[in-house]
Amino acid sequence: MLTISKIEGHYNSQILEFSGLSTDEKPTEYFDSLPIINGSEFFEIDTGNLFKFNGENHEWVLQ
């Protein structure tokens, strides 16, 4: 799955960046009415783990 998020310096879609605890629920559809799209990031501040969102399977993948 490919996602174009920036075209010639202009954003086409919003990649979201989250930070929270490992026990926090990671959103998989929407957050504050914004869609969670391919490439969004979630950084766990208590573990240092970084996850990227796979929009095709609607799952967070540990990097």
PDB file of N, CA and C in Angstrom:
ATOM      1  N   MET A   1       0.845  -1.179   0.000  1.00  0.00           N
ATOM      2  CA  MET A   1       0.000   0.000   0.000  1.00  0.00           C
ATOM      3  C   MET A   1       0.885   1.235   0.000  1.00  0.00           C
ATOM      4  N   LEU A   2       0.682   2.116  -0.927  1.00  0.00           N
ATOM      5  CA  LEU A   2       1.424   3.371  -0.992  1.00  0.00           C
ATOM      6  C   LEU A   2       0.513   4.528  -0.611  1.00  0.00           C
ATOM      7  N   THR A   3       1.078   5.499   0.065  1.00  0.00           N
ATOM      8  CA  THR A   3       0.339   6.695   0.441  1.00  0.00           C
ATOM      9  C   THR A   3       1.162   7.910   0.063  1.00  0.00           C
ATOM     10  N   ILE A   4       0.596   8.807  -0.710  1.00  0.00           N
ATOM     11  CA  ILE A   4       1.271  10.064  -1.028  1.00  0.00           C
ATOM     12  C   ILE A   4       0.827  11.082   0.011  1.00  0.00           C
ATOM     13  N   SER A   5       1.775  11.561   0.812  1.00  0.00           N
ATOM     14  CA  SER A   5       1.409  12.520   1.853  1.00  0.00           C
ATOM     15  C   SER A   5       1.874  13.934   1.530  1.00  0.00           C
ATOM     16  N   LYS A   6       2.778  14.071   0.537  1.00  0.00           N
ATOM     17  CA  LYS A   6       3.294  15.388   0.205  1.00  0.00           C
ATOM     18  C   LYS A   6       3.594  15.438  -1.293  1.00  0.00           C
ATOM     19  N   ILE A   7       3.083  16.454  -1.957  1.00  0.00           N
ATOM     20  CA  ILE A   7       3.316  16.635  -3.390  1.00  0.00           C
ATOM     21  C   ILE A   7       3.874  18.039  -3.603  1.00  0.00           C
ATOM     22  N   GLU A   8       5.093  18.116  -4.133  1.00  0.00           N
ATOM     23  CA  GLU A   8       5.744  19.397  -4.417  1.00  0.00           C
ATOM     24  C   GLU A   8       5.677  20.359  -3.236  1.00  0.00           C
ATOM     25  N   GLY A   9       5.963  19.854  -2.056  1.00  0.00           N
ATOM     26  CA  GLY A   9       6.015  20.701  -0.868  1.00  0.00           C
ATOM     27  C   GLY A   9       4.673  20.966  -0.206  1.00  0.00           C
ATOM     28  N   HIS A  10       3.603  20.428  -0.761  1.00  0.00           N
ATOM     29  CA  HIS A  10       2.261  20.631  -0.198  1.00  0.00           C
ATOM     30  C   HIS A  10       1.719  19.301   0.308  1.00  0.00           C
ATOM     31  N   TYR A  11       1.171  19.318   1.518  1.00  0.00           N
ATOM     32  CA  TYR A  11       0.644  18.090   2.106  1.00  0.00           C
ATOM     33  C   TYR A  11      -0.675  17.707   1.453  1.00  0.00           C
ATOM     34  N   ASN A  12      -0.756  16.439   1.067  1.00  0.00           N
ATOM     35  CA  ASN A  12      -1.940  15.872   0.460  1.00  0.00           C
ATOM     36  C   ASN A  12      -2.810  15.196   1.519  1.00  0.00           C
ATOM     37  N   SER A  13      -2.187  14.674   2.552  1.00  0.00           N
ATOM     38  CA  SER A  13      -2.887  14.026   3.658  1.00  0.00           C
ATOM     39  C   SER A  13      -2.057  14.204   4.917  1.00  0.00           C
ATOM     40  N   GLN A  14      -2.667  13.966   6.054  1.00  0.00           N
ATOM     41  CA  GLN A  14      -2.010  14.215   7.327  1.00  0.00           C
ATOM     42  C   GLN A  14      -1.512  12.944   7.975  1.00  0.00           C
ATOM     43  N   ILE A  15      -0.191  12.781   8.048  1.00  0.00           N
ATOM     44  CA  ILE A  15       0.387  11.698   8.834  1.00  0.00           C
ATOM     45  C   ILE A  15       0.409  12.193  10.278  1.00  0.00           C
ATOM     46  N   LEU A  16      -0.210  11.435  11.159  1.00  0.00           N
ATOM     47  CA  LEU A  16      -0.321  11.847  12.560  1.00  0.00           C
ATOM     48  C   LEU A  16       0.831  11.270  13.373  1.00  0.00           C
ATOM     49  N   GLU A  17       1.282  12.017  14.366  1.00  0.00           N
ATOM     50  CA  GLU A  17       2.337  11.584  15.279  1.00  0.00           C
ATOM     51  C   GLU A  17       1.785  11.605  16.691  1.00  0.00           C
ATOM     52  N   PHE A  18       1.765  10.433  17.309  1.00  0.00           N
ATOM     53  CA  PHE A  18       1.252  10.276  18.666  1.00  0.00           C
ATOM     54  C   PHE A  18       2.398   9.955  19.617  1.00  0.00           C
ATOM     55  N   SER A  19       2.214  10.298  20.868  1.00  0.00           N
ATOM     56  CA  SER A  19       3.092   9.805  21.929  1.00  0.00           C
ATOM     57  C   SER A  19       2.207   9.488  23.124  1.00  0.00           C
ATOM     58  N   GLY A  20       2.556   8.420  23.799  1.00  0.00           N
ATOM     59  CA  GLY A  20       1.765   7.994  24.944  1.00  0.00           C
ATOM     60  C   GLY A  20       2.430   6.810  25.618  1.00  0.00           C
ATOM     61  N   LEU A  21       1.748   6.247  26.584  1.00  0.00           N
ATOM     62  CA  LEU A  21       2.256   5.093  27.306  1.00  0.00           C
ATOM     63  C   LEU A  21       1.954   3.810  26.537  1.00  0.00           C
ATOM     64  N   SER A  22       2.727   2.784  26.820  1.00  0.00           N
ATOM     65  CA  SER A  22       2.516   1.500  26.159  1.00  0.00           C
ATOM     66  C   SER A  22       1.140   0.920  26.490  1.00  0.00           C
ATOM     67  N   THR A  23       0.557   1.332  27.603  1.00  0.00           N
ATOM     68  CA  THR A  23      -0.757   0.838  28.014  1.00  0.00           C
ATOM     69  C   THR A  23      -1.904   1.625  27.379  1.00  0.00           C
ATOM     70  N   ASP A  24      -1.590   2.741  26.729  1.00  0.00           N
ATOM     71  CA  ASP A  24      -2.622   3.537  26.057  1.00  0.00           C
ATOM     72  C   ASP A  24      -3.112   2.814  24.809  1.00  0.00           C
ATOM     73  N   GLU A  25      -4.400   2.938  24.535  1.00  0.00           N
ATOM     74  CA  GLU A  25      -4.960   2.327  23.328  1.00  0.00           C
ATOM     75  C   GLU A  25      -4.522   3.124  22.102  1.00  0.00           C
ATOM     76  N   LYS A  26      -3.968   2.437  21.130  1.00  0.00           N
ATOM     77  CA  LYS A  26      -3.544   3.076  19.890  1.00  0.00           C
ATOM     78  C   LYS A  26      -4.744   3.115  18.939  1.00  0.00           C
ATOM     79  N   PRO A  27      -5.102   4.295  18.451  1.00  0.00           N
ATOM     80  CA  PRO A  27      -6.271   4.386  17.566  1.00  0.00           C
ATOM     81  C   PRO A  27      -6.001   3.703  16.223  1.00  0.00           C
ATOM     82  N   THR A  28      -7.030   3.118  15.636  1.00  0.00           N
ATOM     83  CA  THR A  28      -6.857   2.422  14.363  1.00  0.00           C
ATOM     84  C   THR A  28      -7.787   2.920  13.265  1.00  0.00           C
ATOM     85  N   GLU A  29      -8.670   3.832  13.570  1.00  0.00           N
ATOM     86  CA  GLU A  29      -9.587   4.364  12.555  1.00  0.00           C
ATOM     87  C   GLU A  29      -9.490   5.890  12.503  1.00  0.00           C
ATOM     88  N   TYR A  30      -9.912   6.531  13.590  1.00  0.00           N
ATOM     89  CA  TYR A  30      -9.926   7.994  13.667  1.00  0.00           C
ATOM     90  C   TYR A  30      -9.431   8.443  15.034  1.00  0.00           C
ATOM     91  N   PHE A  31      -8.898   9.661  15.074  1.00  0.00           N
ATOM     92  CA  PHE A  31      -8.570  10.304  16.339  1.00  0.00           C
ATOM     93  C   PHE A  31      -8.986  11.763  16.208  1.00  0.00           C
ATOM     94  N   ASP A  32      -9.891  12.194  17.061  1.00  0.00           N
ATOM     95  CA  ASP A  32     -10.376  13.575  17.029  1.00  0.00           C
ATOM     96  C   ASP A  32     -10.896  13.925  15.638  1.00  0.00           C
ATOM     97  N   SER A  33     -11.620  13.024  15.028  1.00  0.00           N
ATOM     98  CA  SER A  33     -12.220  13.105  13.690  1.00  0.00           C
ATOM     99  C   SER A  33     -11.213  13.102  12.538  1.00  0.00           C
ATOM    100  N   LEU A  34      -9.927  12.893  12.820  1.00  0.00           N
ATOM    101  CA  LEU A  34      -8.906  12.782  11.771  1.00  0.00           C
ATOM    102  C   LEU A  34      -8.637  11.309  11.492  1.00  0.00           C
ATOM    103  N   PRO A  35      -8.592  10.917  10.215  1.00  0.00           N
ATOM    104  CA  PRO A  35      -8.318   9.512   9.911  1.00  0.00           C
ATOM    105  C   PRO A  35      -6.865   9.153  10.216  1.00  0.00           C
ATOM    106  N   ILE A  36      -6.650   7.958  10.754  1.00  0.00           N
ATOM    107  CA  ILE A  36      -5.301   7.443  10.967  1.00  0.00           C
ATOM    108  C   ILE A  36      -4.868   6.848   9.627  1.00  0.00           C
ATOM    109  N   ILE A  37      -3.821   7.412   9.020  1.00  0.00           N
ATOM    110  CA  ILE A  37      -3.431   6.955   7.692  1.00  0.00           C
ATOM    111  C   ILE A  37      -2.089   6.226   7.729  1.00  0.00           C
ATOM    112  N   ASN A  38      -1.824   5.549   6.651  1.00  0.00           N
ATOM    113  CA  ASN A  38      -0.584   4.818   6.455  1.00  0.00           C
ATOM    114  C   ASN A  38       0.615   5.713   6.786  1.00  0.00           C
ATOM    115  N   GLY A  39       1.530   5.205   7.612  1.00  0.00           N
ATOM    116  CA  GLY A  39       2.736   5.955   7.960  1.00  0.00           C
ATOM    117  C   GLY A  39       2.648   6.792   9.220  1.00  0.00           C
ATOM    118  N   SER A  40       1.451   6.905   9.815  1.00  0.00           N
ATOM    119  CA  SER A  40       1.339   7.628  11.083  1.00  0.00           C
ATOM    120  C   SER A  40       2.214   6.932  12.123  1.00  0.00           C
ATOM    121  N   GLU A  41       2.633   7.677  13.159  1.00  0.00           N
ATOM    122  CA  GLU A  41       3.573   7.145  14.138  1.00  0.00           C
ATOM    123  C   GLU A  41       3.019   7.224  15.554  1.00  0.00           C
ATOM    124  N   PHE A  42       3.400   6.238  16.372  1.00  0.00           N
ATOM    125  CA  PHE A  42       3.085   6.239  17.792  1.00  0.00           C
ATOM    126  C   PHE A  42       4.365   5.908  18.544  1.00  0.00           C
ATOM    127  N   PHE A  43       4.805   6.847  19.393  1.00  0.00           N
ATOM    128  CA  PHE A  43       5.999   6.648  20.206  1.00  0.00           C
ATOM    129  C   PHE A  43       5.581   6.378  21.641  1.00  0.00           C
ATOM    130  N   GLU A  44       6.012   5.238  22.182  1.00  0.00           N
ATOM    131  CA  GLU A  44       5.716   4.891  23.572  1.00  0.00           C
ATOM    132  C   GLU A  44       6.788   5.511  24.462  1.00  0.00           C
ATOM    133  N   ILE A  45       6.384   6.483  25.263  1.00  0.00           N
ATOM    134  CA  ILE A  45       7.365   7.232  26.056  1.00  0.00           C
ATOM    135  C   ILE A  45       7.944   6.423  27.212  1.00  0.00           C
ATOM    136  N   ASP A  46       7.249   5.367  27.637  1.00  0.00           N
ATOM    137  CA  ASP A  46       7.768   4.564  28.748  1.00  0.00           C
ATOM    138  C   ASP A  46       8.659   3.413  28.293  1.00  0.00           C
ATOM    139  N   THR A  47       8.585   3.022  27.017  1.00  0.00           N
ATOM    140  CA  THR A  47       9.409   1.910  26.522  1.00  0.00           C
ATOM    141  C   THR A  47      10.423   2.344  25.468  1.00  0.00           C
ATOM    142  N   GLY A  48      10.161   3.479  24.835  1.00  0.00           N
ATOM    143  CA  GLY A  48      11.020   3.924  23.736  1.00  0.00           C
ATOM    144  C   GLY A  48      10.694   3.263  22.410  1.00  0.00           C
ATOM    145  N   ASN A  49       9.642   2.450  22.372  1.00  0.00           N
ATOM    146  CA  ASN A  49       9.247   1.775  21.132  1.00  0.00           C
ATOM    147  C   ASN A  49       8.547   2.746  20.187  1.00  0.00           C
ATOM    148  N   LEU A  50       8.865   2.614  18.901  1.00  0.00           N
ATOM    149  CA  LEU A  50       8.221   3.406  17.862  1.00  0.00           C
ATOM    150  C   LEU A  50       7.417   2.467  16.979  1.00  0.00           C
ATOM    151  N   PHE A  51       6.159   2.821  16.745  1.00  0.00           N
ATOM    152  CA  PHE A  51       5.276   2.050  15.876  1.00  0.00           C
ATOM    153  C   PHE A  51       4.879   2.919  14.688  1.00  0.00           C
ATOM    154  N   LYS A  52       4.728   2.301  13.528  1.00  0.00           N
ATOM    155  CA  LYS A  52       4.188   2.973  12.349  1.00  0.00           C
ATOM    156  C   LYS A  52       2.904   2.256  11.968  1.00  0.00           C
ATOM    157  N   PHE A  53       1.974   3.027  11.439  1.00  0.00           N
ATOM    158  CA  PHE A  53       0.654   2.487  11.124  1.00  0.00           C
ATOM    159  C   PHE A  53       0.626   1.911   9.723  1.00  0.00           C
ATOM    160  N   ASN A  54       0.156   0.669   9.616  1.00  0.00           N
ATOM    161  CA  ASN A  54      -0.072   0.001   8.346  1.00  0.00           C
ATOM    162  C   ASN A  54      -1.542   0.215   8.001  1.00  0.00           C
ATOM    163  N   GLY A  55      -1.803   1.146   7.079  1.00  0.00           N
ATOM    164  CA  GLY A  55      -3.175   1.500   6.747  1.00  0.00           C
ATOM    165  C   GLY A  55      -3.961   0.410   6.053  1.00  0.00           C
ATOM    166  N   GLU A  56      -3.280  -0.501   5.382  1.00  0.00           N
ATOM    167  CA  GLU A  56      -3.971  -1.580   4.680  1.00  0.00           C
ATOM    168  C   GLU A  56      -4.571  -2.583   5.659  1.00  0.00           C
ATOM    169  N   ASN A  57      -3.815  -2.909   6.707  1.00  0.00           N
ATOM    170  CA  ASN A  57      -4.283  -3.884   7.702  1.00  0.00           C
ATOM    171  C   ASN A  57      -4.801  -3.237   8.981  1.00  0.00           C
ATOM    172  N   HIS A  58      -4.771  -1.922   9.052  1.00  0.00           N
ATOM    173  CA  HIS A  58      -5.225  -1.172  10.230  1.00  0.00           C
ATOM    174  C   HIS A  58      -4.560  -1.684  11.507  1.00  0.00           C
ATOM    175  N   GLU A  59      -3.197  -1.741  11.455  1.00  0.00           N
ATOM    176  CA  GLU A  59      -2.466  -2.206  12.631  1.00  0.00           C
ATOM    177  C   GLU A  59      -1.190  -1.378  12.806  1.00  0.00           C
ATOM    178  N   TRP A  60      -0.719  -1.319  14.040  1.00  0.00           N
ATOM    179  CA  TRP A  60       0.527  -0.644  14.376  1.00  0.00           C
ATOM    180  C   TRP A  60       1.663  -1.653  14.342  1.00  0.00           C
ATOM    181  N   VAL A  61       2.745  -1.302  13.647  1.00  0.00           N
ATOM    182  CA  VAL A  61       3.876  -2.211  13.462  1.00  0.00           C
ATOM    183  C   VAL A  61       5.096  -1.646  14.183  1.00  0.00           C
ATOM    184  N   LEU A  62       5.657  -2.459  15.071  1.00  0.00           N
ATOM    185  CA  LEU A  62       6.867  -2.061  15.805  1.00  0.00           C
ATOM    186  C   LEU A  62       8.025  -1.889  14.824  1.00  0.00           C
ATOM    187  N   GLN A  63       8.743  -0.783  14.969  1.00  0.00           N
ATOM    188  CA  GLN A  63       9.862  -0.504  14.066  1.00  0.00           C
ATOM    189  C   GLN A  63      11.184  -0.946  14.663  1.00  0.00           C
TER     190      GLN A  63
END
